[in-house]
Amino acid sequence: MRGVDALIVDSSYTREEYPAKKGWGHGTFDSAIAMAIRVGAKRLYCTHHEPTRSDSELEAVFADVLARHAPLLQGLEVNLAREGLEVVL
């Protein structure tokens, strides 16, 4: 994955939710961002969102995660994947 242009990662849960969901096969926003930084990805697309979360709740969770990680992003573009999103590489 080193230096990949676009990394797409399951980001179903927050770090607070994860302990109760561990072993379900889904990841967190935090682990997705950490992976993208570790491999030097240019863009990260967080996908496979928790289905019980409304769009506004998802956007609030995403904004919180981005604010927390802002000093570490170093040019990494982080996006919420959404239905109909097309990415041109």
PDB file of N, CA and C in Angstrom:
ATOM      1  N   MET A   1       0.806  -1.207   0.000  1.00  0.00           N
ATOM      2  CA  MET A   1       0.000   0.000   0.000  1.00  0.00           C
ATOM      3  C   MET A   1       0.846   1.267   0.000  1.00  0.00           C
ATOM      4  N   ARG A   2       2.116   1.142   0.256  1.00  0.00           N
ATOM      5  CA  ARG A   2       2.970   2.324   0.404  1.00  0.00           C
ATOM      6  C   ARG A   2       2.760   3.311  -0.735  1.00  0.00           C
ATOM      7  N   GLY A   3       2.417   4.559  -0.373  1.00  0.00           N
ATOM      8  CA  GLY A   3       2.284   5.635  -1.344  1.00  0.00           C
ATOM      9  C   GLY A   3       1.063   5.576  -2.236  1.00  0.00           C
ATOM     10  N   VAL A   4       0.089   4.771  -1.888  1.00  0.00           N
ATOM     11  CA  VAL A   4      -1.111   4.622  -2.712  1.00  0.00           C
ATOM     12  C   VAL A   4      -1.814   5.978  -2.898  1.00  0.00           C
ATOM     13  N   ASP A   5      -2.400   6.167  -4.078  1.00  0.00           N
ATOM     14  CA  ASP A   5      -3.128   7.406  -4.357  1.00  0.00           C
ATOM     15  C   ASP A   5      -4.438   7.488  -3.585  1.00  0.00           C
ATOM     16  N   ALA A   6      -5.160   6.377  -3.505  1.00  0.00           N
ATOM     17  CA  ALA A   6      -6.454   6.355  -2.823  1.00  0.00           C
ATOM     18  C   ALA A   6      -6.571   5.071  -2.007  1.00  0.00           C
ATOM     19  N   LEU A   7      -6.826   5.239  -0.726  1.00  0.00           N
ATOM     20  CA  LEU A   7      -7.003   4.105   0.192  1.00  0.00           C
ATOM     21  C   LEU A   7      -8.445   4.122   0.666  1.00  0.00           C
ATOM     22  N   ILE A   8      -9.147   3.010   0.507  1.00  0.00           N
ATOM     23  CA  ILE A   8     -10.548   2.892   0.905  1.00  0.00           C
ATOM     24  C   ILE A   8     -10.597   1.931   2.087  1.00  0.00           C
ATOM     25  N   VAL A   9     -11.110   2.411   3.225  1.00  0.00           N
ATOM     26  CA  VAL A   9     -11.056   1.626   4.449  1.00  0.00           C
ATOM     27  C   VAL A   9     -12.402   1.661   5.174  1.00  0.00           C
ATOM     28  N   ASP A  10     -12.816   0.495   5.649  1.00  0.00           N
ATOM     29  CA  ASP A  10     -14.008   0.361   6.487  1.00  0.00           C
ATOM     30  C   ASP A  10     -13.816   1.199   7.746  1.00  0.00           C
ATOM     31  N   SER A  11     -14.758   2.088   8.002  1.00  0.00           N
ATOM     32  CA  SER A  11     -14.686   2.977   9.165  1.00  0.00           C
ATOM     33  C   SER A  11     -16.051   3.028   9.844  1.00  0.00           C
ATOM     34  N   SER A  12     -16.507   1.893  10.289  1.00  0.00           N
ATOM     35  CA  SER A  12     -17.853   1.813  10.836  1.00  0.00           C
ATOM     36  C   SER A  12     -18.015   2.486  12.192  1.00  0.00           C
ATOM     37  N   TYR A  13     -16.976   2.429  13.007  1.00  0.00           N
ATOM     38  CA  TYR A  13     -17.151   2.809  14.412  1.00  0.00           C
ATOM     39  C   TYR A  13     -16.180   3.885  14.877  1.00  0.00           C
ATOM     40  N   THR A  14     -16.562   4.541  15.960  1.00  0.00           N
ATOM     41  CA  THR A  14     -15.648   5.446  16.648  1.00  0.00           C
ATOM     42  C   THR A  14     -14.782   4.611  17.582  1.00  0.00           C
ATOM     43  N   ARG A  15     -13.723   5.199  18.078  1.00  0.00           N
ATOM     44  CA  ARG A  15     -12.857   4.468  19.004  1.00  0.00           C
ATOM     45  C   ARG A  15     -13.591   4.123  20.300  1.00  0.00           C
ATOM     46  N   GLU A  16     -14.582   4.941  20.672  1.00  0.00           N
ATOM     47  CA  GLU A  16     -15.371   4.667  21.867  1.00  0.00           C
ATOM     48  C   GLU A  16     -16.331   3.493  21.663  1.00  0.00           C
ATOM     49  N   GLU A  17     -16.859   3.351  20.464  1.00  0.00           N
ATOM     50  CA  GLU A  17     -17.799   2.269  20.158  1.00  0.00           C
ATOM     51  C   GLU A  17     -17.110   0.931  19.942  1.00  0.00           C
ATOM     52  N   TYR A  18     -15.865   0.969  19.506  1.00  0.00           N
ATOM     53  CA  TYR A  18     -15.189  -0.236  19.055  1.00  0.00           C
ATOM     54  C   TYR A  18     -15.103  -1.365  20.086  1.00  0.00           C
ATOM     55  N   PRO A  19     -14.793  -1.108  21.364  1.00  0.00           N
ATOM     56  CA  PRO A  19     -14.675  -2.229  22.303  1.00  0.00           C
ATOM     57  C   PRO A  19     -15.918  -3.130  22.336  1.00  0.00           C
ATOM     58  N   ALA A  20     -17.096  -2.554  22.204  1.00  0.00           N
ATOM     59  CA  ALA A  20     -18.327  -3.354  22.210  1.00  0.00           C
ATOM     60  C   ALA A  20     -18.556  -4.068  20.875  1.00  0.00           C
ATOM     61  N   LYS A  21     -17.842  -3.663  19.840  1.00  0.00           N
ATOM     62  CA  LYS A  21     -18.027  -4.230  18.493  1.00  0.00           C
ATOM     63  C   LYS A  21     -16.815  -5.047  18.035  1.00  0.00           C
ATOM     64  N   LYS A  22     -15.795  -5.149  18.868  1.00  0.00           N
ATOM     65  CA  LYS A  22     -14.563  -5.852  18.501  1.00  0.00           C
ATOM     66  C   LYS A  22     -14.892  -7.276  18.043  1.00  0.00           C
ATOM     67  N   GLY A  23     -14.254  -7.686  16.957  1.00  0.00           N
ATOM     68  CA  GLY A  23     -14.482  -9.018  16.418  1.00  0.00           C
ATOM     69  C   GLY A  23     -15.605  -9.080  15.396  1.00  0.00           C
ATOM     70  N   TRP A  24     -16.276  -7.973  15.156  1.00  0.00           N
ATOM     71  CA  TRP A  24     -17.363  -7.955  14.184  1.00  0.00           C
ATOM     72  C   TRP A  24     -16.845  -7.793  12.758  1.00  0.00           C
ATOM     73  N   GLY A  25     -15.546  -7.541  12.601  1.00  0.00           N
ATOM     74  CA  GLY A  25     -14.958  -7.411  11.278  1.00  0.00           C
ATOM     75  C   GLY A  25     -14.983  -6.013  10.701  1.00  0.00           C
ATOM     76  N   HIS A  26     -15.225  -5.015  11.535  1.00  0.00           N
ATOM     77  CA  HIS A  26     -15.272  -3.631  11.066  1.00  0.00           C
ATOM     78  C   HIS A  26     -14.256  -2.804  11.830  1.00  0.00           C
ATOM     79  N   GLY A  27     -13.825  -1.706  11.210  1.00  0.00           N
ATOM     80  CA  GLY A  27     -12.799  -0.869  11.807  1.00  0.00           C
ATOM     81  C   GLY A  27     -13.323   0.451  12.321  1.00  0.00           C
ATOM     82  N   THR A  28     -12.368   1.309  12.680  1.00  0.00           N
ATOM     83  CA  THR A  28     -12.685   2.633  13.215  1.00  0.00           C
ATOM     84  C   THR A  28     -12.107   3.714  12.314  1.00  0.00           C
ATOM     85  N   PHE A  29     -12.626   4.913  12.467  1.00  0.00           N
ATOM     86  CA  PHE A  29     -12.064   6.064  11.766  1.00  0.00           C
ATOM     87  C   PHE A  29     -10.601   6.248  12.173  1.00  0.00           C
ATOM     88  N   ASP A  30     -10.328   6.103  13.469  1.00  0.00           N
ATOM     89  CA  ASP A  30      -8.974   6.308  13.976  1.00  0.00           C
ATOM     90  C   ASP A  30      -7.985   5.313  13.361  1.00  0.00           C
ATOM     91  N   SER A  31      -8.376   4.046  13.272  1.00  0.00           N
ATOM     92  CA  SER A  31      -7.461   3.057  12.707  1.00  0.00           C
ATOM     93  C   SER A  31      -7.277   3.276  11.205  1.00  0.00           C
ATOM     94  N   ALA A  32      -8.304   3.739  10.530  1.00  0.00           N
ATOM     95  CA  ALA A  32      -8.193   4.031   9.098  1.00  0.00           C
ATOM     96  C   ALA A  32      -7.214   5.179   8.861  1.00  0.00           C
ATOM     97  N   ILE A  33      -7.325   6.225   9.659  1.00  0.00           N
ATOM     98  CA  ILE A  33      -6.419   7.363   9.519  1.00  0.00           C
ATOM     99  C   ILE A  33      -4.995   6.943   9.862  1.00  0.00           C
ATOM    100  N   ALA A  34      -4.826   6.183  10.920  1.00  0.00           N
ATOM    101  CA  ALA A  34      -3.488   5.714  11.307  1.00  0.00           C
ATOM    102  C   ALA A  34      -2.866   4.884  10.185  1.00  0.00           C
ATOM    103  N   MET A  35      -3.649   4.015   9.567  1.00  0.00           N
ATOM    104  CA  MET A  35      -3.145   3.192   8.473  1.00  0.00           C
ATOM    105  C   MET A  35      -2.732   4.067   7.289  1.00  0.00           C
ATOM    106  N   ALA A  36      -3.578   5.021   6.929  1.00  0.00           N
ATOM    107  CA  ALA A  36      -3.291   5.890   5.798  1.00  0.00           C
ATOM    108  C   ALA A  36      -2.012   6.696   6.030  1.00  0.00           C
ATOM    109  N   ILE A  37      -1.831   7.190   7.232  1.00  0.00           N
ATOM    110  CA  ILE A  37      -0.614   7.936   7.562  1.00  0.00           C
ATOM    111  C   ILE A  37       0.599   7.009   7.506  1.00  0.00           C
ATOM    112  N   ARG A  38       0.466   5.824   8.079  1.00  0.00           N
ATOM    113  CA  ARG A  38       1.578   4.869   8.136  1.00  0.00           C
ATOM    114  C   ARG A  38       2.077   4.476   6.736  1.00  0.00           C
ATOM    115  N   VAL A  39       1.161   4.328   5.789  1.00  0.00           N
ATOM    116  CA  VAL A  39       1.566   3.890   4.446  1.00  0.00           C
ATOM    117  C   VAL A  39       1.816   5.054   3.493  1.00  0.00           C
ATOM    118  N   GLY A  40       1.580   6.276   3.954  1.00  0.00           N
ATOM    119  CA  GLY A  40       1.816   7.436   3.107  1.00  0.00           C
ATOM    120  C   GLY A  40       0.801   7.613   2.000  1.00  0.00           C
ATOM    121  N   ALA A  41      -0.450   7.241   2.269  1.00  0.00           N
ATOM    122  CA  ALA A  41      -1.520   7.406   1.283  1.00  0.00           C
ATOM    123  C   ALA A  41      -1.746   8.891   0.996  1.00  0.00           C
ATOM    124  N   LYS A  42      -2.166   9.188  -0.208  1.00  0.00           N
ATOM    125  CA  LYS A  42      -2.463  10.571  -0.574  1.00  0.00           C
ATOM    126  C   LYS A  42      -3.890  10.949  -0.183  1.00  0.00           C
ATOM    127  N   ARG A  43      -4.820  10.005  -0.377  1.00  0.00           N
ATOM    128  CA  ARG A  43      -6.231  10.242  -0.047  1.00  0.00           C
ATOM    129  C   ARG A  43      -6.796   9.021   0.663  1.00  0.00           C
ATOM    130  N   LEU A  44      -7.633   9.274   1.648  1.00  0.00           N
ATOM    131  CA  LEU A  44      -8.325   8.218   2.386  1.00  0.00           C
ATOM    132  C   LEU A  44      -9.819   8.409   2.209  1.00  0.00           C
ATOM    133  N   TYR A  45     -10.498   7.312   1.890  1.00  0.00           N
ATOM    134  CA  TYR A  45     -11.957   7.317   1.801  1.00  0.00           C
ATOM    135  C   TYR A  45     -12.483   6.377   2.879  1.00  0.00           C
ATOM    136  N   CYS A  46     -13.171   6.959   3.847  1.00  0.00           N
ATOM    137  CA  CYS A  46     -13.757   6.178   4.945  1.00  0.00           C
ATOM    138  C   CYS A  46     -15.121   5.696   4.485  1.00  0.00           C
ATOM    139  N   THR A  47     -15.335   4.385   4.553  1.00  0.00           N
ATOM    140  CA  THR A  47     -16.543   3.794   4.009  1.00  0.00           C
ATOM    141  C   THR A  47     -17.159   2.791   4.979  1.00  0.00           C
ATOM    142  N   HIS A  48     -18.276   2.208   4.575  1.00  0.00           N
ATOM    143  CA  HIS A  48     -19.016   1.200   5.333  1.00  0.00           C
ATOM    144  C   HIS A  48     -19.412   1.727   6.703  1.00  0.00           C
ATOM    145  N   HIS A  49     -20.193   2.786   6.687  1.00  0.00           N
ATOM    146  CA  HIS A  49     -20.572   3.483   7.903  1.00  0.00           C
ATOM    147  C   HIS A  49     -21.629   2.719   8.698  1.00  0.00           C
ATOM    148  N   GLU A  50     -21.629   2.930  10.005  1.00  0.00           N
ATOM    149  CA  GLU A  50     -22.608   2.320  10.912  1.00  0.00           C
ATOM    150  C   GLU A  50     -24.014   2.669  10.413  1.00  0.00           C
ATOM    151  N   PRO A  51     -24.839   1.670  10.065  1.00  0.00           N
ATOM    152  CA  PRO A  51     -26.142   1.942   9.455  1.00  0.00           C
ATOM    153  C   PRO A  51     -27.166   2.597  10.381  1.00  0.00           C
ATOM    154  N   THR A  52     -26.966   2.525  11.687  1.00  0.00           N
ATOM    155  CA  THR A  52     -27.922   3.160  12.600  1.00  0.00           C
ATOM    156  C   THR A  52     -27.618   4.641  12.811  1.00  0.00           C
ATOM    157  N   ARG A  53     -26.505   5.120  12.260  1.00  0.00           N
ATOM    158  CA  ARG A  53     -26.113   6.519  12.421  1.00  0.00           C
ATOM    159  C   ARG A  53     -26.750   7.347  11.310  1.00  0.00           C
ATOM    160  N   SER A  54     -27.383   8.445  11.674  1.00  0.00           N
ATOM    161  CA  SER A  54     -27.959   9.341  10.663  1.00  0.00           C
ATOM    162  C   SER A  54     -26.836  10.079   9.933  1.00  0.00           C
ATOM    163  N   ASP A  55     -27.169  10.701   8.810  1.00  0.00           N
ATOM    164  CA  ASP A  55     -26.168  11.454   8.061  1.00  0.00           C
ATOM    165  C   ASP A  55     -25.556  12.564   8.918  1.00  0.00           C
ATOM    166  N   SER A  56     -26.392  13.268   9.661  1.00  0.00           N
ATOM    167  CA  SER A  56     -25.870  14.364  10.488  1.00  0.00           C
ATOM    168  C   SER A  56     -25.004  13.826  11.627  1.00  0.00           C
ATOM    169  N   GLU A  57     -25.365  12.690  12.193  1.00  0.00           N
ATOM    170  CA  GLU A  57     -24.524  12.075  13.226  1.00  0.00           C
ATOM    171  C   GLU A  57     -23.197  11.628  12.640  1.00  0.00           C
ATOM    172  N   LEU A  58     -23.221  11.055  11.438  1.00  0.00           N
ATOM    173  CA  LEU A  58     -22.004  10.624  10.768  1.00  0.00           C
ATOM    174  C   LEU A  58     -21.084  11.817  10.509  1.00  0.00           C
ATOM    175  N   GLU A  59     -21.649  12.894  10.021  1.00  0.00           N
ATOM    176  CA  GLU A  59     -20.847  14.089   9.746  1.00  0.00           C
ATOM    177  C   GLU A  59     -20.245  14.665  11.023  1.00  0.00           C
ATOM    178  N   ALA A  60     -20.983  14.626  12.133  1.00  0.00           N
ATOM    179  CA  ALA A  60     -20.471  15.120  13.417  1.00  0.00           C
ATOM    180  C   ALA A  60     -19.332  14.243  13.922  1.00  0.00           C
ATOM    181  N   VAL A  61     -19.496  12.934  13.825  1.00  0.00           N
ATOM    182  CA  VAL A  61     -18.437  11.999  14.234  1.00  0.00           C
ATOM    183  C   VAL A  61     -17.194  12.229  13.382  1.00  0.00           C
ATOM    184  N   PHE A  62     -17.376  12.381  12.088  1.00  0.00           N
ATOM    185  CA  PHE A  62     -16.271  12.586  11.165  1.00  0.00           C
ATOM    186  C   PHE A  62     -15.540  13.895  11.479  1.00  0.00           C
ATOM    187  N   ALA A  63     -16.286  14.959  11.730  1.00  0.00           N
ATOM    188  CA  ALA A  63     -15.675  16.253  12.057  1.00  0.00           C
ATOM    189  C   ALA A  63     -14.848  16.155  13.336  1.00  0.00           C
ATOM    190  N   ASP A  64     -15.349  15.438  14.320  1.00  0.00           N
ATOM    191  CA  ASP A  64     -14.625  15.249  15.584  1.00  0.00           C
ATOM    192  C   ASP A  64     -13.311  14.503  15.347  1.00  0.00           C
ATOM    193  N   VAL A  65     -13.371  13.437  14.572  1.00  0.00           N
ATOM    194  CA  VAL A  65     -12.161  12.650  14.280  1.00  0.00           C
ATOM    195  C   VAL A  65     -11.148  13.491  13.514  1.00  0.00           C
ATOM    196  N   LEU A  66     -11.609  14.233  12.523  1.00  0.00           N
ATOM    197  CA  LEU A  66     -10.695  15.072  11.755  1.00  0.00           C
ATOM    198  C   LEU A  66     -10.042  16.135  12.628  1.00  0.00           C
ATOM    199  N   ALA A  67     -10.803  16.746  13.505  1.00  0.00           N
ATOM    200  CA  ALA A  67     -10.245  17.767  14.396  1.00  0.00           C
ATOM    201  C   ALA A  67      -9.185  17.159  15.309  1.00  0.00           C
ATOM    202  N   ARG A  68      -9.450  15.979  15.812  1.00  0.00           N
ATOM    203  CA  ARG A  68      -8.512  15.306  16.711  1.00  0.00           C
ATOM    204  C   ARG A  68      -7.217  14.922  16.008  1.00  0.00           C
ATOM    205  N   HIS A  69      -7.306  14.552  14.747  1.00  0.00           N
ATOM    206  CA  HIS A  69      -6.141  14.091  13.993  1.00  0.00           C
ATOM    207  C   HIS A  69      -5.497  15.177  13.130  1.00  0.00           C
ATOM    208  N   ALA A  70      -6.054  16.358  13.079  1.00  0.00           N
ATOM    209  CA  ALA A  70      -5.575  17.422  12.189  1.00  0.00           C
ATOM    210  C   ALA A  70      -4.057  17.623  12.227  1.00  0.00           C
ATOM    211  N   PRO A  71      -3.427  17.657  13.397  1.00  0.00           N
ATOM    212  CA  PRO A  71      -1.977  17.886  13.417  1.00  0.00           C
ATOM    213  C   PRO A  71      -1.160  16.746  12.783  1.00  0.00           C
ATOM    214  N   LEU A  72      -1.746  15.578  12.636  1.00  0.00           N
ATOM    215  CA  LEU A  72      -1.021  14.415  12.131  1.00  0.00           C
ATOM    216  C   LEU A  72      -1.217  14.160  10.638  1.00  0.00           C
ATOM    217  N   LEU A  73      -2.172  14.835  10.023  1.00  0.00           N
ATOM    218  CA  LEU A  73      -2.569  14.495   8.653  1.00  0.00           C
ATOM    219  C   LEU A  73      -1.500  14.807   7.611  1.00  0.00           C
ATOM    220  N   GLN A  74      -0.702  15.829   7.796  1.00  0.00           N
ATOM    221  CA  GLN A  74       0.425  16.148   6.910  1.00  0.00           C
ATOM    222  C   GLN A  74       0.082  16.019   5.434  1.00  0.00           C
ATOM    223  N   GLY A  75      -1.006  16.638   5.020  1.00  0.00           N
ATOM    224  CA  GLY A  75      -1.383  16.627   3.604  1.00  0.00           C
ATOM    225  C   GLY A  75      -2.299  15.489   3.190  1.00  0.00           C
ATOM    226  N   LEU A  76      -2.550  14.544   4.087  1.00  0.00           N
ATOM    227  CA  LEU A  76      -3.477  13.460   3.775  1.00  0.00           C
ATOM    228  C   LEU A  76      -4.883  14.037   3.617  1.00  0.00           C
ATOM    229  N   GLU A  77      -5.519  13.752   2.507  1.00  0.00           N
ATOM    230  CA  GLU A  77      -6.898  14.176   2.269  1.00  0.00           C
ATOM    231  C   GLU A  77      -7.814  13.065   2.769  1.00  0.00           C
ATOM    232  N   VAL A  78      -8.692  13.382   3.717  1.00  0.00           N
ATOM    233  CA  VAL A  78      -9.582  12.379   4.310  1.00  0.00           C
ATOM    234  C   VAL A  78     -11.020  12.720   3.921  1.00  0.00           C
ATOM    235  N   ASN A  79     -11.725  11.725   3.366  1.00  0.00           N
ATOM    236  CA  ASN A  79     -13.084  11.928   2.858  1.00  0.00           C
ATOM    237  C   ASN A  79     -14.036  10.877   3.403  1.00  0.00           C
ATOM    238  N   LEU A  80     -15.285  11.270   3.535  1.00  0.00           N
ATOM    239  CA  LEU A  80     -16.343  10.303   3.818  1.00  0.00           C
ATOM    240  C   LEU A  80     -16.846   9.785   2.476  1.00  0.00           C
ATOM    241  N   ALA A  81     -16.782   8.488   2.282  1.00  0.00           N
ATOM    242  CA  ALA A  81     -17.369   7.912   1.076  1.00  0.00           C
ATOM    243  C   ALA A  81     -18.885   8.035   1.194  1.00  0.00           C
ATOM    244  N   ARG A  82     -19.539   8.185   0.068  1.00  0.00           N
ATOM    245  CA  ARG A  82     -20.998   8.296   0.071  1.00  0.00           C
ATOM    246  C   ARG A  82     -21.538   7.682  -1.207  1.00  0.00           C
ATOM    247  N   GLU A  83     -22.780   7.339  -1.163  1.00  0.00           N
ATOM    248  CA  GLU A  83     -23.412   6.758  -2.335  1.00  0.00           C
ATOM    249  C   GLU A  83     -23.292   7.705  -3.516  1.00  0.00           C
ATOM    250  N   GLY A  84     -22.858   7.187  -4.638  1.00  0.00           N
ATOM    251  CA  GLY A  84     -22.730   7.979  -5.847  1.00  0.00           C
ATOM    252  C   GLY A  84     -21.397   8.683  -6.020  1.00  0.00           C
ATOM    253  N   LEU A  85     -20.528   8.617  -5.023  1.00  0.00           N
ATOM    254  CA  LEU A  85     -19.226   9.258  -5.123  1.00  0.00           C
ATOM    255  C   LEU A  85     -18.390   8.599  -6.210  1.00  0.00           C
ATOM    256  N   GLU A  86     -17.848   9.406  -7.085  1.00  0.00           N
ATOM    257  CA  GLU A  86     -16.943   8.920  -8.123  1.00  0.00           C
ATOM    258  C   GLU A  86     -15.589   9.552  -7.910  1.00  0.00           C
ATOM    259  N   VAL A  87     -14.549   8.740  -7.928  1.00  0.00           N
ATOM    260  CA  VAL A  87     -13.197   9.219  -7.711  1.00  0.00           C
ATOM    261  C   VAL A  87     -12.416   9.037  -8.997  1.00  0.00           C
ATOM    262  N   VAL A  88     -11.832  10.117  -9.473  1.00  0.00           N
ATOM    263  CA  VAL A  88     -11.008  10.064 -10.676  1.00  0.00           C
ATOM    264  C   VAL A  88      -9.561  10.094 -10.237  1.00  0.00           C
ATOM    265  N   LEU A  89      -8.815   9.079 -10.666  1.00  0.00           N
ATOM    266  CA  LEU A  89      -7.396   8.995 -10.308  1.00  0.00           C
ATOM    267  C   LEU A  89      -6.515   9.422 -11.447  1.00  0.00           C
TER     268      LEU A  89
END
